[in-house]
Amino acid sequence: MSLHRPVTSVIPKYRAFLGIDDQMLETARSLWSELEPALEPLLSEFHNKTDKVQGLGERTAARRPALIRKQKAHIALLLNGKLDGAYVASTMRTALAHREEGLPLAWYINSHVVIGEMICKHVAACHEGDPVRARAAEDAICKLVSLDIAVASSAYEAVLLD
């Protein structure tokens, strides 16, 4: 993909702008062990929510188990904190697949926000007794979701410009 290199090179700028430092990436990595067991039910809940939107849920109903596996793998890749070429390539492939299926960018972004919010609520519940840890975890999730949207948007924009 021709955009892969330019997007990879802008990751440091996104990180700096969003304030994603090494400590935040470490926080994100540490979340995986508590998030992983809850992720399938959270993603199923997300898809149940899409079923209530005309024209959205039926796009994925027949492929839900495979989509949930892919979403789970992508979230693992995002939370591993490397934000490297493999992450960028995966994100762009996913965004292009959604774009080719005709999913408008606005729904792609809204979906990321909803999933991020669901993850934040789960993480907050896991750290009820430690508000400092809960806030750091929520901050990491929100900023990584934002970065993920920015990378995916690049793929959508590339298609629109071609």
Protein backbone atom coordinates (compact mmCIF):
# COMPACT_ATOMS: atom_id res chain seq x y z
CA MET A 1 0.00 0.00 0.00
CA SER A 2 1.49 3.31 -1.02
CA LEU A 3 0.29 5.15 2.06
CA HIS A 4 1.88 2.75 4.53
CA ARG A 5 5.22 4.60 4.75
CA PRO A 6 3.82 8.14 5.07
CA VAL A 7 1.36 7.03 7.76
CA THR A 8 4.05 5.16 9.68
CA SER A 9 6.21 8.28 9.60
CA VAL A 10 3.43 10.44 11.06
CA ILE A 11 2.84 8.14 14.06
CA PRO A 12 5.46 10.00 16.17
CA LYS A 13 3.67 13.29 15.41
CA TYR A 14 0.31 11.82 16.40
CA ARG A 15 1.84 10.41 19.57
CA ALA A 16 3.40 13.74 20.50
CA PHE A 17 0.21 15.69 19.79
CA LEU A 18 -1.97 13.25 21.75
CA GLY A 19 0.55 12.92 24.58
CA ILE A 20 1.06 9.19 24.12
CA ASP A 21 4.32 8.58 25.94
CA ASP A 22 6.10 5.34 26.83
CA GLN A 23 4.42 5.18 30.25
CA MET A 24 0.99 5.42 28.60
CA LEU A 25 1.93 2.62 26.19
CA GLU A 26 3.04 0.50 29.15
CA THR A 27 -0.31 1.18 30.81
CA ALA A 28 -2.06 0.04 27.63
CA ARG A 29 0.03 -3.16 27.47
CA SER A 30 -0.81 -3.95 31.09
CA LEU A 31 -4.55 -3.73 30.37
CA TRP A 32 -4.60 -6.70 28.03
CA SER A 33 -4.66 -9.40 30.73
CA GLU A 34 -7.81 -7.96 32.33
CA LEU A 35 -9.46 -6.91 29.08
CA GLU A 36 -8.87 -10.02 26.97
CA PRO A 37 -11.37 -12.30 28.79
CA ALA A 38 -14.09 -9.62 28.61
CA LEU A 39 -13.47 -8.54 25.03
CA GLU A 40 -15.62 -11.10 23.20
CA PRO A 41 -18.72 -10.27 25.28
CA LEU A 42 -18.03 -6.53 24.87
CA LEU A 43 -17.70 -6.89 21.11
CA SER A 44 -20.86 -9.00 20.97
CA GLU A 45 -22.64 -6.25 22.89
CA PHE A 46 -21.29 -3.71 20.40
CA HIS A 47 -22.64 -5.75 17.47
CA ASN A 48 -26.00 -6.08 19.21
CA LYS A 49 -26.03 -2.28 19.33
CA THR A 50 -25.31 -2.08 15.58
CA ASP A 51 -28.30 -4.35 14.95
CA LYS A 52 -30.54 -1.51 16.14
CA VAL A 53 -29.26 0.82 13.40
CA GLN A 54 -30.98 0.30 10.07
CA GLY A 55 -28.45 -0.56 7.38
CA LEU A 56 -25.60 -1.19 9.81
CA GLY A 57 -26.07 -4.44 11.72
CA GLU A 58 -27.24 -6.50 8.78
CA ARG A 59 -23.93 -5.78 7.05
CA THR A 60 -22.15 -7.97 9.56
CA ALA A 61 -24.70 -10.41 10.97
CA ALA A 62 -23.55 -13.40 8.92
CA ARG A 63 -19.86 -12.82 9.73
CA ARG A 64 -19.99 -11.87 13.41
CA PRO A 65 -17.76 -14.57 14.90
CA ALA A 66 -15.01 -13.90 12.35
CA LEU A 67 -15.35 -10.13 12.76
CA ILE A 68 -15.16 -10.38 16.53
CA ARG A 69 -11.97 -12.46 16.25
CA LYS A 70 -10.47 -9.86 13.90
CA GLN A 71 -11.55 -6.97 16.14
CA LYS A 72 -10.07 -8.71 19.15
CA ALA A 73 -6.77 -9.25 17.32
CA HIS A 74 -6.71 -5.62 16.23
CA ILE A 75 -7.34 -4.37 19.76
CA ALA A 76 -4.52 -6.62 20.99
CA LEU A 77 -2.24 -5.13 18.34
CA LEU A 78 -3.25 -1.60 19.33
CA LEU A 79 -2.73 -2.23 23.03
CA ASN A 80 0.65 -3.89 22.58
CA GLY A 81 1.96 -0.35 22.25
CA LYS A 82 4.39 -0.88 19.41
CA LEU A 83 2.49 1.28 16.91
CA ASP A 84 4.86 0.00 14.25
CA GLY A 85 4.59 -0.89 10.58
CA ALA A 86 2.66 -4.09 11.33
CA TYR A 87 0.09 -2.10 13.31
CA VAL A 88 -0.24 0.54 10.56
CA ALA A 89 -0.59 -2.08 7.81
CA SER A 90 -3.24 -3.97 9.78
CA THR A 91 -5.19 -0.80 10.53
CA MET A 92 -5.11 0.38 6.95
CA ARG A 93 -6.13 -3.05 5.59
CA THR A 94 -9.07 -3.09 7.98
CA ALA A 95 -10.12 0.46 7.09
CA LEU A 96 -9.87 -0.25 3.37
CA ALA A 97 -11.96 -3.39 3.76
CA HIS A 98 -14.64 -1.37 5.54
CA ARG A 99 -14.43 1.34 2.89
CA GLU A 100 -14.75 -1.21 0.08
CA GLU A 101 -17.85 -2.62 1.78
CA GLY A 102 -19.32 0.86 1.61
CA LEU A 103 -19.22 1.67 5.32
CA PRO A 104 -19.15 5.46 5.58
CA LEU A 105 -16.19 6.92 7.48
CA ALA A 106 -18.54 8.49 10.02
CA TRP A 107 -19.86 5.05 11.02
CA TYR A 108 -16.30 3.69 11.18
CA ILE A 109 -15.34 6.53 13.54
CA ASN A 110 -18.50 6.20 15.62
CA SER A 111 -17.93 2.47 15.97
CA HIS A 112 -14.40 3.08 17.27
CA VAL A 113 -15.71 5.60 19.79
CA VAL A 114 -18.42 3.22 21.05
CA ILE A 115 -16.00 0.29 21.39
CA GLY A 116 -13.47 2.54 23.13
CA GLU A 117 -16.14 3.75 25.54
CA MET A 118 -17.19 0.17 26.30
CA ILE A 119 -13.57 -0.78 26.98
CA CYS A 120 -13.12 2.28 29.21
CA LYS A 121 -16.18 1.35 31.27
CA HIS A 122 -14.89 -2.18 31.71
CA VAL A 123 -11.44 -0.97 32.72
CA ALA A 124 -12.92 1.57 35.16
CA ALA A 125 -14.94 -1.18 36.80
CA CYS A 126 -11.81 -3.33 37.13
CA HIS A 127 -10.01 -0.48 38.92
CA GLU A 128 -12.82 0.92 41.04
CA GLY A 129 -10.60 0.92 44.12
CA ASP A 130 -7.73 2.67 42.34
CA PRO A 131 -9.01 5.83 40.66
CA VAL A 132 -5.52 6.94 39.60
CA ARG A 133 -4.95 3.65 37.75
CA ALA A 134 -8.47 3.76 36.30
CA ARG A 135 -7.94 7.28 34.95
CA ALA A 136 -4.54 6.39 33.46
CA ALA A 137 -6.06 3.35 31.77
CA GLU A 138 -9.02 5.32 30.39
CA ASP A 139 -6.67 8.03 29.12
CA ALA A 140 -4.53 5.44 27.33
CA ILE A 141 -7.56 3.81 25.71
CA CYS A 142 -9.07 7.12 24.56
CA LYS A 143 -5.84 8.37 23.05
CA LEU A 144 -5.00 5.08 21.34
CA VAL A 145 -8.51 4.94 19.87
CA SER A 146 -8.01 8.46 18.58
CA LEU A 147 -4.69 7.51 17.00
CA ASP A 148 -6.29 4.41 15.48
CA ILE A 149 -9.04 6.53 13.94
CA ALA A 150 -6.45 8.90 12.48
CA VAL A 151 -4.53 6.04 10.87
CA ALA A 152 -7.71 4.43 9.52
CA SER A 153 -8.93 7.78 8.19
CA SER A 154 -5.78 8.00 6.09
CA ALA A 155 -6.85 4.85 4.26
CA TYR A 156 -10.35 6.21 3.68
CA GLU A 157 -8.88 9.51 2.42
CA ALA A 158 -6.51 7.73 0.05
CA VAL A 159 -9.41 5.90 -1.57
CA LEU A 160 -11.37 9.10 -1.89
CA LEU A 161 -8.43 10.87 -3.54
CA ASP A 162 -7.72 8.06 -6.03
